[in-house]
Protein backbone atom coordinates (compact mmCIF):
# COMPACT_ATOMS: atom_id res chain seq x y z
CA UNK A 1 32.23 52.64 -3.39
CA UNK A 2 29.20 54.64 -4.54
CA UNK A 3 26.60 56.40 -2.39
CA UNK A 4 24.19 53.42 -2.27
CA UNK A 5 26.89 51.07 -1.05
CA UNK A 6 28.08 53.60 1.50
CA UNK A 7 24.50 54.12 2.75
CA UNK A 8 24.01 50.37 3.20
CA UNK A 9 27.25 50.01 5.17
CA UNK A 10 26.46 53.04 7.28
CA UNK A 11 23.02 51.65 8.20
CA UNK A 12 24.62 48.34 9.18
CA UNK A 13 27.05 50.19 11.47
CA UNK A 14 24.14 52.07 13.06
CA UNK A 15 22.36 48.77 13.75
CA UNK A 16 25.48 47.26 15.31
CA UNK A 17 26.23 50.38 17.32
CA UNK A 18 22.63 50.53 18.55
CA UNK A 19 22.66 46.91 19.68
CA UNK A 20 25.82 47.48 21.72
CA UNK A 21 24.31 50.64 23.19
CA UNK A 22 21.51 48.73 24.86
CA UNK A 23 24.02 46.44 26.56
CA UNK A 24 25.87 49.26 28.25
CA UNK A 25 26.01 49.14 32.07
CA UNK A 26 22.99 50.63 33.83
CA UNK A 27 23.17 53.41 36.39
CA UNK A 28 22.54 50.87 39.14
CA UNK A 29 25.48 48.75 37.98
CA UNK A 30 27.78 51.77 37.85
CA UNK A 31 26.63 52.79 41.33
CA UNK A 32 27.34 49.29 42.65
CA UNK A 33 30.82 49.28 41.07
CA UNK A 34 31.66 52.62 42.71
CA UNK A 35 30.42 51.35 46.07
CA UNK A 36 32.57 48.23 45.69
CA UNK A 37 35.68 50.27 44.90
CA UNK A 38 35.07 52.49 47.93
CA UNK A 39 34.69 49.57 50.32
CA UNK A 40 37.76 47.79 48.89
CA UNK A 41 39.87 50.91 49.42
CA UNK A 42 38.69 51.17 53.02
CA UNK A 43 39.50 47.53 53.64
CA UNK A 44 43.02 48.03 52.30
CA UNK A 45 43.42 50.91 54.75
CA UNK A 46 42.51 48.58 57.62
CA UNK A 47 39.00 49.95 58.22
CA UNK A 48 36.35 47.39 59.14
CA UNK A 49 33.35 47.99 56.89
CA UNK A 50 29.87 46.68 57.66
CA UNK A 51 27.55 46.05 54.70
CA UNK A 52 25.15 48.87 53.91
CA UNK A 53 21.80 48.76 55.70
CA UNK A 54 23.19 46.22 58.20
CA UNK A 55 21.79 46.63 61.69
CA UNK A 56 24.11 45.28 64.37
CA UNK A 57 22.16 43.81 67.24
CA UNK A 58 23.13 41.88 70.36
CA UNK A 59 22.05 38.27 70.01
CA UNK A 60 20.02 37.16 73.03
CA UNK A 61 21.08 33.95 74.68
CA UNK A 62 17.48 32.72 74.60
CA UNK A 63 14.46 34.06 72.74
CA UNK A 64 11.79 35.90 74.70
CA UNK A 65 8.38 34.44 73.88
CA UNK A 66 5.00 35.86 74.86
CA UNK A 67 3.20 33.31 77.03
CA UNK A 68 -0.06 34.05 75.21
CA UNK A 69 1.62 33.24 71.88
CA UNK A 70 2.51 29.81 73.18
CA UNK A 71 -1.20 29.11 73.59
CA UNK A 72 -2.07 30.42 70.12
CA UNK A 73 -1.76 28.85 66.65
CA UNK A 74 1.39 26.71 66.34
CA UNK A 75 2.29 27.80 69.89
CA UNK A 76 4.61 24.85 70.44
CA UNK A 77 6.56 25.71 67.26
CA UNK A 78 7.16 29.40 68.01
CA UNK A 79 10.26 28.85 70.13
CA UNK A 80 13.13 26.46 69.73
CA UNK A 81 16.81 25.95 69.02
CA UNK A 82 18.09 26.02 65.45
CA UNK A 83 19.50 22.75 64.15
CA UNK A 84 20.80 21.85 60.72
CA UNK A 85 20.36 18.73 58.60
CA UNK A 86 22.37 17.87 55.50
CA UNK A 87 21.18 16.23 52.28
CA UNK A 88 23.96 15.28 49.89
CA UNK A 89 24.57 13.41 46.66
CA UNK A 90 27.22 13.52 43.92
CA UNK A 91 25.95 16.89 42.56
CA UNK A 92 24.56 18.86 45.51
CA UNK A 93 25.21 19.58 49.16
CA UNK A 94 22.03 20.98 50.69
CA UNK A 95 21.81 22.28 54.25
CA UNK A 96 18.35 22.37 55.82
CA UNK A 97 17.39 24.22 58.98
CA UNK A 98 14.56 23.45 61.36
CA UNK A 99 13.97 27.23 61.64
CA UNK A 100 11.30 27.48 58.96
CA UNK A 101 11.90 23.90 57.81
CA UNK A 102 13.60 25.38 54.76
CA UNK A 103 16.71 25.03 52.66
CA UNK A 104 19.36 27.20 54.28
CA UNK A 105 22.10 26.88 51.64
CA UNK A 106 22.89 25.06 48.40
CA UNK A 107 26.37 24.13 47.20
CA UNK A 108 26.92 22.92 43.61
CA UNK A 109 29.54 20.20 43.94
CA UNK A 110 32.28 20.04 41.32
CA UNK A 111 32.01 23.78 40.60
CA UNK A 112 34.13 26.63 41.95
CA UNK A 113 33.78 30.40 42.04
CA UNK A 114 36.18 32.55 40.03
CA UNK A 115 38.52 32.74 43.06
CA UNK A 116 38.51 28.99 43.72
CA UNK A 117 35.96 28.82 46.56
CA UNK A 118 33.07 26.32 46.79
CA UNK A 119 30.17 27.48 44.64
CA UNK A 120 27.21 28.31 46.90
CA UNK A 121 24.03 29.65 45.30
CA UNK A 122 22.64 31.21 48.47
CA UNK A 123 23.29 30.93 52.18
CA UNK A 124 22.10 32.36 55.49
CA UNK A 125 18.97 33.12 57.46
CA UNK A 126 18.25 36.25 55.40
CA UNK A 127 17.03 33.95 52.63
CA UNK A 128 13.39 33.15 53.27
CA UNK A 129 11.05 30.36 52.25
CA UNK A 130 7.68 29.59 53.78
CA UNK A 131 3.90 29.48 53.61
CA UNK A 132 1.61 32.31 54.72
CA UNK A 133 -1.33 30.70 56.54
CA UNK A 134 -4.48 32.47 57.73
CA UNK A 135 -4.86 30.36 60.85
CA UNK A 136 -7.28 31.15 63.68
CA UNK A 137 -7.52 34.80 62.69
CA UNK A 138 -3.77 35.31 62.45
CA UNK A 139 -1.31 35.27 59.55
CA UNK A 140 1.33 32.68 60.31
CA UNK A 141 4.51 32.47 58.24
CA UNK A 142 6.12 29.07 58.52
CA UNK A 143 9.50 30.73 57.96
CA UNK A 144 9.28 31.81 61.63
CA UNK A 145 8.32 28.41 63.05
CA UNK A 146 10.58 25.71 64.45
CA UNK A 147 10.08 22.33 62.76
CA UNK A 148 11.02 18.88 64.00
CA UNK A 149 13.30 17.12 61.49
CA UNK A 150 13.25 13.40 60.70
CA UNK A 151 15.75 11.89 58.27
CA UNK A 152 15.37 8.55 56.52
CA UNK A 153 17.88 7.78 53.77
CA UNK A 154 17.71 10.46 51.10
CA UNK A 155 14.52 12.01 52.57
CA UNK A 156 14.16 14.62 55.28
CA UNK A 157 10.76 15.46 56.78
CA UNK A 158 10.22 18.73 58.66
CA UNK A 159 7.07 18.98 60.80
CA UNK A 160 5.56 21.93 62.70
CA UNK A 161 2.69 20.88 64.99
CA UNK A 162 -0.48 22.90 65.37
CA UNK A 163 -2.13 20.47 67.74
CA UNK A 164 -3.09 16.84 68.04
CA UNK A 165 -3.09 15.28 64.56
CA UNK A 166 -2.77 18.73 62.97
CA UNK A 167 0.49 19.90 61.46
CA UNK A 168 2.41 21.38 58.52
CA UNK A 169 4.99 19.06 56.98
CA UNK A 170 7.69 19.72 54.38
CA UNK A 171 9.52 16.75 52.86
CA UNK A 172 12.72 16.92 50.83
CA UNK A 173 14.02 14.02 48.77
CA UNK A 174 17.37 14.10 46.93
CA UNK A 175 18.06 11.11 44.71
CA UNK A 176 21.51 10.00 43.59
CA UNK A 177 23.08 11.82 40.61
CA UNK A 178 20.23 14.33 40.52
CA UNK A 179 20.09 18.11 40.55
CA UNK A 180 16.42 18.05 41.50
CA UNK A 181 15.06 17.98 45.03
CA UNK A 182 11.52 16.63 45.35
CA UNK A 183 9.65 19.00 47.68
CA UNK A 184 6.21 18.13 49.07
CA UNK A 185 3.95 20.18 51.31
CA UNK A 186 1.39 18.40 53.50
CA UNK A 187 -1.25 20.28 55.49
CA UNK A 188 -2.85 17.72 57.77
CA UNK A 189 -5.90 18.30 59.99
CA UNK A 190 -5.98 22.05 59.32
CA UNK A 191 -9.17 22.16 57.20
CA UNK A 192 -11.09 23.91 59.99
CA UNK A 193 -8.17 26.14 60.99
CA UNK A 194 -6.96 27.71 57.73
CA UNK A 195 -9.34 30.16 56.08
CA UNK A 196 -9.48 31.32 52.46
CA UNK A 197 -9.20 29.55 49.12
CA UNK A 198 -5.49 30.18 48.54
CA UNK A 199 -2.25 29.82 50.46
CA UNK A 200 0.66 32.14 49.90
CA UNK A 201 4.18 30.88 49.30
CA UNK A 202 6.99 33.36 49.87
CA UNK A 203 10.54 32.77 48.55
CA UNK A 204 13.32 35.33 48.87
CA UNK A 205 17.03 34.93 48.19
CA UNK A 206 20.11 37.06 47.64
CA UNK A 207 22.35 35.50 45.02
CA UNK A 208 26.11 35.66 45.52
CA UNK A 209 28.85 36.60 43.05
CA UNK A 210 30.31 33.58 41.26
CA UNK A 211 32.18 35.07 38.26
CA UNK A 212 35.10 37.49 37.87
CA UNK A 213 33.08 40.01 35.86
CA UNK A 214 30.31 41.31 38.08
CA UNK A 215 29.06 43.37 35.10
CA UNK A 216 28.48 40.17 33.12
CA UNK A 217 26.64 38.56 36.03
CA UNK A 218 24.35 41.56 36.22
CA UNK A 219 23.86 41.50 32.46
CA UNK A 220 22.70 37.88 32.36
CA UNK A 221 20.94 37.47 35.74
CA UNK A 222 17.19 37.87 36.21
CA UNK A 223 14.18 36.07 37.73
CA UNK A 224 12.47 33.93 35.09
CA UNK A 225 8.99 32.39 35.03
CA UNK A 226 6.75 30.31 32.80
CA UNK A 227 2.99 30.24 32.50
CA UNK A 228 1.57 26.72 32.28
CA UNK A 229 0.24 27.33 28.78
CA UNK A 230 2.63 30.08 27.69
CA UNK A 231 6.23 31.00 26.99
CA UNK A 232 9.18 31.66 29.27
CA UNK A 233 9.77 35.30 30.23
CA UNK A 234 11.85 37.27 32.70
CA UNK A 235 12.11 40.57 34.56
CA UNK A 236 14.62 43.31 33.87
CA UNK A 237 18.35 42.51 33.99
CA UNK A 238 19.41 46.13 34.50
CA UNK A 239 17.06 47.72 37.04
CA UNK A 240 14.79 47.08 40.02
CA UNK A 241 11.41 45.75 38.93
CA UNK A 242 8.30 44.07 40.29
CA UNK A 243 5.73 42.32 38.13
CA UNK A 244 2.33 40.80 38.89
CA UNK A 245 1.87 37.41 37.23
CA UNK A 246 -1.88 37.28 36.60
CA UNK A 247 -2.18 36.08 32.98
CA UNK A 248 -2.70 32.45 33.93
CA UNK A 249 -1.42 29.60 36.06
CA UNK A 250 2.33 29.61 36.61
CA UNK A 251 4.39 26.45 36.06
CA UNK A 252 7.65 27.60 37.61
CA UNK A 253 9.72 30.52 38.84
CA UNK A 254 13.50 30.63 38.67
CA UNK A 255 16.18 32.68 40.40
CA UNK A 256 18.62 32.69 37.51
CA UNK A 257 22.23 33.83 37.60
CA UNK A 258 24.64 33.97 34.70
CA UNK A 259 25.67 30.29 34.78
CA UNK A 260 23.54 28.80 37.60
CA UNK A 261 19.87 28.66 38.56
CA UNK A 262 17.63 27.89 41.51
CA UNK A 263 14.18 26.96 40.18
CA UNK A 264 10.92 26.05 41.94
CA UNK A 265 8.53 23.93 39.85
CA UNK A 266 4.95 23.28 40.93
CA UNK A 267 3.29 20.11 39.61
CA UNK A 268 -0.19 21.58 40.14
CA UNK A 269 0.87 25.09 38.98
CA UNK A 270 0.49 28.28 40.99
CA UNK A 271 -2.77 30.20 40.68
CA UNK A 272 -1.03 33.57 40.36
CA UNK A 273 1.83 35.46 41.92
CA UNK A 274 4.37 38.25 41.73
CA UNK A 275 8.11 38.46 41.10
CA UNK A 276 10.59 41.10 42.20
CA UNK A 277 14.23 41.88 41.48
CA UNK A 278 16.50 44.40 43.19
CA UNK A 279 20.16 45.25 42.59
CA UNK A 280 21.94 45.42 45.98
CA UNK A 281 25.00 47.56 46.63
CA UNK A 282 26.65 45.15 49.09
CA UNK A 283 29.91 43.70 47.69
CA UNK A 284 29.67 40.05 46.68
CA UNK A 285 25.92 40.18 46.08
CA UNK A 286 24.48 40.08 42.53
CA UNK A 287 20.71 40.34 42.76
CA UNK A 288 17.92 40.08 45.33
CA UNK A 289 14.95 38.02 44.09
CA UNK A 290 11.54 37.72 45.69
CA UNK A 291 8.60 35.52 44.67
CA UNK A 292 5.13 35.53 46.22
CA UNK A 293 3.00 32.76 44.73
CA UNK A 294 -0.53 31.57 45.42
CA UNK A 295 -1.47 27.90 45.80
CA UNK A 296 -5.12 26.72 45.63
CA UNK A 297 -6.56 25.52 48.96
CA UNK A 298 -9.65 23.25 48.99
CA UNK A 299 -9.90 22.52 52.76
CA UNK A 300 -9.13 18.81 52.51
CA UNK A 301 -8.20 16.82 55.60
CA UNK A 302 -4.83 16.15 53.96
CA UNK A 303 -4.01 18.94 51.53
CA UNK A 304 -0.88 17.98 49.56
CA UNK A 305 1.23 19.92 47.07
CA UNK A 306 3.92 18.34 44.94
CA UNK A 307 6.83 20.53 43.84
CA UNK A 308 10.51 20.20 43.05
CA UNK A 309 13.59 22.39 43.11
CA UNK A 310 16.26 22.46 40.45
CA UNK A 311 19.70 23.59 41.60
CA UNK A 312 22.40 23.47 38.98
CA UNK A 313 24.13 24.85 35.93
CA UNK A 314 22.62 26.78 33.04
CA UNK A 315 24.15 24.41 30.54
CA UNK A 316 21.60 24.19 27.73
CA UNK A 317 21.53 20.40 27.55
CA UNK A 318 21.32 20.03 31.35
CA UNK A 319 18.35 22.40 31.57
CA UNK A 320 16.60 20.75 28.65
CA UNK A 321 16.94 17.36 30.36
CA UNK A 322 14.92 18.68 33.32
CA UNK A 323 11.87 19.41 31.14
CA UNK A 324 9.40 22.28 31.56
CA UNK A 325 11.30 24.41 28.97
CA UNK A 326 13.92 25.38 31.54
CA UNK A 327 16.51 25.66 28.75
CA UNK A 328 14.78 28.82 27.53
CA UNK A 329 16.50 30.64 30.40
CA UNK A 330 19.69 30.53 28.31
CA UNK A 331 19.66 33.79 26.37
CA UNK A 332 20.22 32.86 22.73
CA UNK A 333 19.39 36.34 21.44
CA UNK A 334 16.42 37.98 19.79
CA UNK A 335 14.50 36.65 16.80
CA UNK A 336 15.87 35.34 14.45
CA UNK A 337 19.20 35.07 16.27
CA UNK A 338 17.92 32.61 18.88
CA UNK A 339 16.80 30.20 16.15
CA UNK A 340 20.16 30.49 14.39
CA UNK A 341 21.93 29.70 17.68
CA UNK A 342 19.59 26.95 18.82
CA UNK A 343 19.17 25.02 15.58
CA UNK A 344 22.43 25.73 13.73
CA UNK A 345 25.29 26.93 15.94
CA UNK A 346 24.55 24.84 19.06
CA UNK A 347 24.18 21.48 17.24
CA UNK A 348 27.45 22.10 15.36
CA UNK A 349 29.18 23.09 18.60
CA UNK A 350 27.89 19.95 20.37
CA UNK A 351 29.09 17.81 17.46
CA UNK A 352 32.59 19.27 17.70
CA UNK A 353 32.50 18.99 21.49
CA UNK A 354 32.04 15.25 21.10
CA UNK A 355 35.65 14.92 19.92
CA UNK A 356 36.93 16.01 23.35
CA UNK A 357 39.06 18.84 22.01
CA UNK A 358 40.14 21.92 23.91
CA UNK A 359 37.46 24.60 23.60
CA UNK A 360 39.90 26.96 21.90
CA UNK A 361 40.28 24.38 19.12
CA UNK A 362 36.51 23.86 18.99
CA UNK A 363 35.96 27.60 18.45
CA UNK A 364 38.66 27.48 15.75
CA UNK A 365 36.92 24.57 13.96
CA UNK A 366 33.51 26.23 14.37
CA UNK A 367 34.85 29.40 12.74
CA UNK A 368 36.28 27.43 9.81
CA UNK A 369 32.94 25.70 9.21
CA UNK A 370 31.10 29.01 9.39
CA UNK A 371 33.49 30.66 6.93
CA UNK A 372 33.18 27.74 4.52
CA UNK A 373 29.39 27.98 4.66
CA UNK A 374 29.51 31.72 3.99
CA UNK A 375 32.26 31.58 1.35
CA UNK A 376 29.84 31.91 -1.62
CA UNK A 377 28.49 35.15 -0.13
CA UNK A 378 32.02 36.37 0.57
CA UNK A 379 32.99 35.66 -3.05
CA UNK A 380 29.95 37.51 -4.41
CA UNK A 381 30.62 40.48 -2.15
CA UNK A 382 34.26 40.70 -3.24
CA UNK A 383 33.38 40.28 -6.93
CA UNK A 384 30.76 43.03 -6.71
CA UNK A 385 33.24 45.42 -5.06
CA UNK A 386 35.80 44.58 -7.77
CA UNK A 387 33.27 45.40 -10.49
CA UNK A 388 32.49 48.73 -8.83
CA UNK A 389 36.20 49.48 -8.63
CA UNK A 390 36.63 48.75 -12.36
CA UNK A 391 33.64 50.99 -13.17
CA UNK A 392 34.89 53.88 -11.04
CA UNK A 393 36.78 55.69 -13.86
CA UNK A 394 33.61 55.73 -15.98
CA UNK A 395 31.56 56.90 -12.99
CA UNK A 396 34.02 59.74 -12.45
CA UNK A 397 33.61 60.74 -16.11
CA UNK A 398 29.83 60.83 -15.69
CA UNK A 399 30.11 63.01 -12.60
CA UNK A 400 32.47 65.41 -14.38
CA UNK A 401 30.22 65.57 -17.44
CA UNK A 402 26.89 66.06 -15.61
CA UNK A 403 28.23 68.14 -12.74
CA UNK A 404 28.07 67.60 -8.99
CA UNK A 405 25.26 70.17 -8.64
CA UNK A 406 22.77 67.72 -10.20
CA UNK A 407 23.02 64.58 -8.00
CA UNK A 408 19.69 63.15 -9.20
CA UNK A 409 20.82 63.12 -12.82
CA UNK A 410 24.20 61.70 -11.78
CA UNK A 411 22.49 58.80 -10.00
CA UNK A 412 20.23 58.23 -13.00
CA UNK A 413 23.26 58.02 -15.31
CA UNK A 414 24.94 55.69 -12.82
CA UNK A 415 21.93 53.38 -13.00
CA UNK A 416 22.10 53.31 -16.77
CA UNK A 417 25.79 52.42 -16.55
CA UNK A 418 25.09 49.66 -14.01
CA UNK A 419 22.38 48.23 -16.23
CA UNK A 420 24.53 48.22 -19.36
CA UNK A 421 27.50 46.73 -17.52
CA UNK A 422 25.40 44.11 -15.74
CA UNK A 423 26.51 45.32 -12.31
CA UNK A 424 24.33 45.35 -9.18
CA UNK A 425 25.30 48.37 -7.04
CA UNK A 426 23.99 46.59 -3.94
CA UNK A 427 25.87 43.39 -4.73
CA UNK A 428 28.57 44.21 -2.20
CA UNK A 429 26.15 45.07 0.61
CA UNK A 430 23.55 42.31 0.29
CA UNK A 431 25.97 39.42 1.01
CA UNK A 432 27.19 41.30 4.09
CA UNK A 433 23.61 41.79 5.29
CA UNK A 434 22.86 38.08 4.78
CA UNK A 435 25.90 37.19 6.91
CA UNK A 436 24.91 39.58 9.69
CA UNK A 437 22.49 37.21 11.56
CA UNK A 438 25.24 34.61 11.97
CA UNK A 439 27.82 37.18 13.04
CA UNK A 440 25.40 38.69 15.58
CA UNK A 441 24.23 35.28 16.78
CA UNK A 442 27.69 34.55 18.19
CA UNK A 443 27.47 37.77 20.20
CA UNK A 444 24.80 36.02 22.32
CA UNK A 445 26.05 32.45 21.94
CA UNK A 446 29.52 32.63 23.51
CA UNK A 447 28.71 34.81 26.57
CA UNK A 448 25.91 32.38 27.57
CA UNK A 449 27.78 29.16 26.82
CA UNK A 450 28.36 27.35 30.12
CA UNK A 451 30.87 24.97 28.52
CA UNK A 452 33.42 27.81 28.26
CA UNK A 453 33.28 28.57 31.99
CA UNK A 454 36.75 28.28 33.57
CA UNK A 455 38.15 26.63 30.42
CA UNK A 456 41.60 27.91 29.46
CA UNK A 457 43.33 28.34 26.11
CA UNK A 458 46.74 29.87 25.49
CA UNK A 459 47.07 32.81 27.92
CA UNK A 460 43.29 33.02 28.44
CA UNK A 461 42.56 31.37 31.79
CA UNK A 462 38.77 31.53 31.42
CA UNK A 463 37.13 31.74 27.98
CA UNK A 464 33.82 32.79 29.56
CA UNK A 465 35.19 36.10 30.83
CA UNK A 466 37.74 38.73 29.80
CA UNK A 467 41.50 38.17 29.87
CA UNK A 468 43.46 40.84 31.73
CA UNK A 469 46.47 41.86 29.68
CA UNK A 470 46.82 45.10 31.67
CA UNK A 471 44.95 46.03 34.85
CA UNK A 472 44.88 49.77 35.53
CA UNK A 473 43.60 49.71 39.13
CA UNK A 474 41.20 52.55 38.35
CA UNK A 475 38.40 52.81 35.84
CA UNK A 476 39.26 54.63 32.63
CA UNK A 477 36.40 56.08 30.59
CA UNK A 478 35.39 53.95 27.60
CA UNK A 479 37.91 51.18 28.45
CA UNK A 480 37.27 50.24 32.10
CA UNK A 481 39.75 49.02 34.70
CA UNK A 482 41.61 46.58 32.41
CA UNK A 483 42.71 45.92 28.86
CA UNK A 484 41.97 42.59 27.20
CA UNK A 485 44.76 41.33 24.94
CA UNK A 486 42.40 39.26 22.78
CA UNK A 487 40.14 42.28 22.36
CA UNK A 488 43.16 44.34 21.28
CA UNK A 489 44.15 41.67 18.74
CA UNK A 490 40.58 41.54 17.46
CA UNK A 491 40.55 45.35 17.05
CA UNK A 492 43.89 45.40 15.22
CA UNK A 493 42.76 42.64 12.85
CA UNK A 494 39.52 44.53 12.15
CA UNK A 495 41.45 47.71 11.33
CA UNK A 496 43.69 45.75 8.95
CA UNK A 497 40.62 44.22 7.31
CA UNK A 498 39.12 47.68 6.89
CA UNK A 499 42.29 48.88 5.19
CA UNK A 500 42.30 46.04 2.67
CA UNK A 501 38.56 46.39 2.02
CA UNK A 502 39.16 50.03 1.16
CA UNK A 503 41.82 48.91 -1.32
CA UNK A 504 39.41 46.44 -2.92
CA UNK A 505 36.44 48.81 -3.10
CA UNK A 506 38.48 51.83 -4.14
CA UNK A 507 36.92 53.99 -1.43
CA UNK A 508 38.10 57.61 -1.29
CA UNK A 509 37.50 60.71 0.81
CA UNK A 510 35.46 60.43 3.99
CA UNK A 511 34.15 56.99 3.01
CA UNK A 512 37.73 55.73 3.15
CA UNK A 513 37.98 56.49 6.87
CA UNK A 514 34.42 55.84 8.08
CA UNK A 515 35.14 52.10 8.39
CA UNK A 516 37.79 52.73 11.03
CA UNK A 517 35.24 54.08 13.52
CA UNK A 518 33.45 50.80 14.35
CA UNK A 519 36.61 48.83 15.34
CA UNK A 520 37.47 51.54 17.85
CA UNK A 521 33.92 51.38 19.25
CA UNK A 522 34.20 47.58 19.47
CA UNK A 523 37.37 47.95 21.54
CA UNK A 524 35.50 49.84 24.26
CA UNK A 525 32.39 47.65 24.14
CA UNK A 526 33.96 44.18 23.85
CA UNK A 527 36.85 44.82 26.25
CA UNK A 528 34.76 43.44 29.15
CA UNK A 529 33.15 40.63 27.12
CA UNK A 530 34.34 37.00 27.18
CA UNK A 531 37.72 36.30 25.64
CA UNK A 532 36.09 33.39 23.80
CA UNK A 533 33.89 35.85 21.89
CA UNK A 534 36.81 38.13 21.01
CA UNK A 535 38.84 35.07 20.03
CA UNK A 536 36.10 34.06 17.58
CA UNK A 537 35.95 37.55 16.03
CA UNK A 538 39.76 37.58 15.75
CA UNK A 539 39.76 34.20 13.97
CA UNK A 540 36.90 35.30 11.72
CA UNK A 541 38.90 38.36 10.63
CA UNK A 542 42.00 36.28 9.86
CA UNK A 543 40.00 33.74 7.88
CA UNK A 544 38.15 36.46 5.99
CA UNK A 545 41.50 37.97 5.08
CA UNK A 546 42.67 34.57 3.87
CA UNK A 547 39.52 34.10 1.82
CA UNK A 548 39.89 37.51 0.20
CA UNK A 549 43.54 36.81 -0.56
CA UNK A 550 42.59 33.61 -2.41
CA UNK A 551 39.67 35.28 -4.19
CA UNK A 552 41.92 38.14 -5.24
CA UNK A 553 44.22 35.59 -6.88
CA UNK A 554 41.22 34.12 -8.68
CA UNK A 555 39.66 37.41 -9.82
CA UNK A 556 41.35 39.30 -12.68
CA UNK A 557 40.42 42.97 -13.01
CA UNK A 558 41.23 42.92 -16.74
CA UNK A 559 38.82 40.02 -17.29
CA UNK A 560 36.16 41.81 -15.26
CA UNK A 561 36.65 44.95 -17.33
CA UNK A 562 36.42 42.95 -20.58
CA UNK A 563 33.24 41.23 -19.36
CA UNK A 564 31.69 44.58 -18.44
CA UNK A 565 32.50 46.01 -21.88
CA UNK A 566 31.04 42.90 -23.46
CA UNK A 567 27.83 43.33 -21.46
CA UNK A 568 27.60 46.96 -22.49
CA UNK A 569 27.87 45.97 -26.15
CA UNK A 570 24.89 43.62 -25.98
CA UNK A 571 21.74 45.44 -27.14
CA UNK A 572 19.66 42.42 -26.14
CA UNK A 573 20.34 43.23 -22.54
CA UNK A 574 18.29 46.41 -22.93
CA UNK A 575 15.24 44.30 -23.69
CA UNK A 576 15.51 42.17 -20.59
CA UNK A 577 12.62 42.54 -18.20
CA UNK A 578 13.48 44.72 -15.26
CA UNK A 579 13.08 43.55 -11.71
CA UNK A 580 10.40 45.18 -9.59
CA UNK A 581 13.06 46.84 -7.48
CA UNK A 582 14.87 48.17 -10.55
CA UNK A 583 11.59 49.39 -12.06
CA UNK A 584 10.64 51.26 -8.86
CA UNK A 585 14.13 52.76 -8.64
CA UNK A 586 14.01 53.94 -12.28
CA UNK A 587 10.54 55.44 -11.77
CA UNK A 588 11.70 57.30 -8.68
CA UNK A 589 14.76 58.74 -10.43
CA UNK A 590 12.60 59.76 -13.41
CA UNK A 591 10.17 61.58 -11.11
CA UNK A 592 13.03 63.37 -9.39
CA UNK A 593 14.44 64.44 -12.76
CA UNK A 594 11.04 65.77 -13.89
CA UNK A 595 10.65 67.83 -10.73
CA UNK A 596 13.92 69.71 -11.33
CA UNK A 597 12.60 71.97 -14.19
CA UNK A 598 9.42 72.69 -12.19
CA UNK A 599 11.48 73.84 -9.21
CA UNK A 600 13.60 76.02 -11.49
CA UNK A 601 10.51 77.90 -12.80
CA UNK A 602 9.27 78.80 -9.32
């Protein structure tokens, strides 16, 4: 392996190492993990622990209401008794409360949390949803009002009366086999009461832990949004952030978790708004999301707004079926990786999924297809390394003849040798670079693939998260609190591959050992990543080894050497037109050689 090849490989390792660096846990995530460990240890000791920032108050038997407030705006709706109403179909179980006329909790039927409990997106009175109305000189939040519920079939109407023939009404309609809830807002007879040209809508929710790896849930959870005439975007996944959405009308906002979403879509689009995300430290909570949106208000006798909620999985096909580009919440990677995943990897995966195989077998078949598609590049890479290995004795002679104190001249003589022998010094690196987008694409594809969630294969109980071969009980630097067996197997296979690649390329000295660094780094980084991803990398290593074994049987070093000598003996090759890259490289080396005597005279 010469210096150019080594430089190319080293740059590739820097790119890979840099990409993993940006996925490391944030300070907030580390702080949350420490807080969780502390509370768990206290619980084991029998100490009752209240969540941080929790204020314990005595609950009054009946609310105390100011008599003047009863005579003010929505006076009859200020006090009341909380009652719950249930909407249910085959996919969702939704609990509504008359306190605020809002959705109190959402359960995704047919799905379980990592510990086997019913999967609930959010629950409890701390989650808020309501309108902010400037009514009669006061700001009224419907979240604080008591509504009167009326249920008819799959529809529930919640009404808060302002006065005679004046009220706020929320209607919820859940059709069979649907993950969407039609949500309509009707403001009736309030055209002389509500002031201003906009009405605020406030939505706040704390999302609960659903997966075993809380680090992964943090890594892939964020509030998303879409402008009506723009692309889908999101807030930070690793820190607290608040963003004003003022670049246009907003089609929807989504409280997205790793594998599930709660999305609010406005048919008329919001005028503007703001989104907020916070990382709580309370165990069992993933993120706090807050949305404050503005709806246009035109003072009609019956002002109506049509919206809908989506509550369900982040399965790509399921989100795409909902419309509004909701599927873009699934992180397929950066450009061009997301196009590779969306238009190549995902269609092939869906095709294989149609056979009804176990997902471990599907990943196996997907890896075989990928390796077959890349086999021409693998062959070219191996052949180029073999040519460099055959040329190494002549390169050593050049270095001994010219001397190591004149590296520019050595490189120039190397280039002459490459040209005569018909060898491209970058031939081993370029095929690897061309394969890199596909290899990196899977790094985003498998962790965001809902289909792998809670699917088992061999000893791996859930392909969407790590498999615990050993659990340490305490966090160990670089490794974490566990050791993944599939990650260990992947690392061992990568080390073996590095050893055989060194044999093929003839690497010596420091370059012989530099390739062993990245597998060790991968062990620390990928140990907490899904076992399905590590399983793919393990299979890819085995298949690459198999490919190289077959190619090695096909490639004869003696024939390569004879071909190189034959190329060197052809004077016609000297007359061949150089490529632009080769011409620029020759010119650069010539300039460097000419500068050496000038430096010696100074």
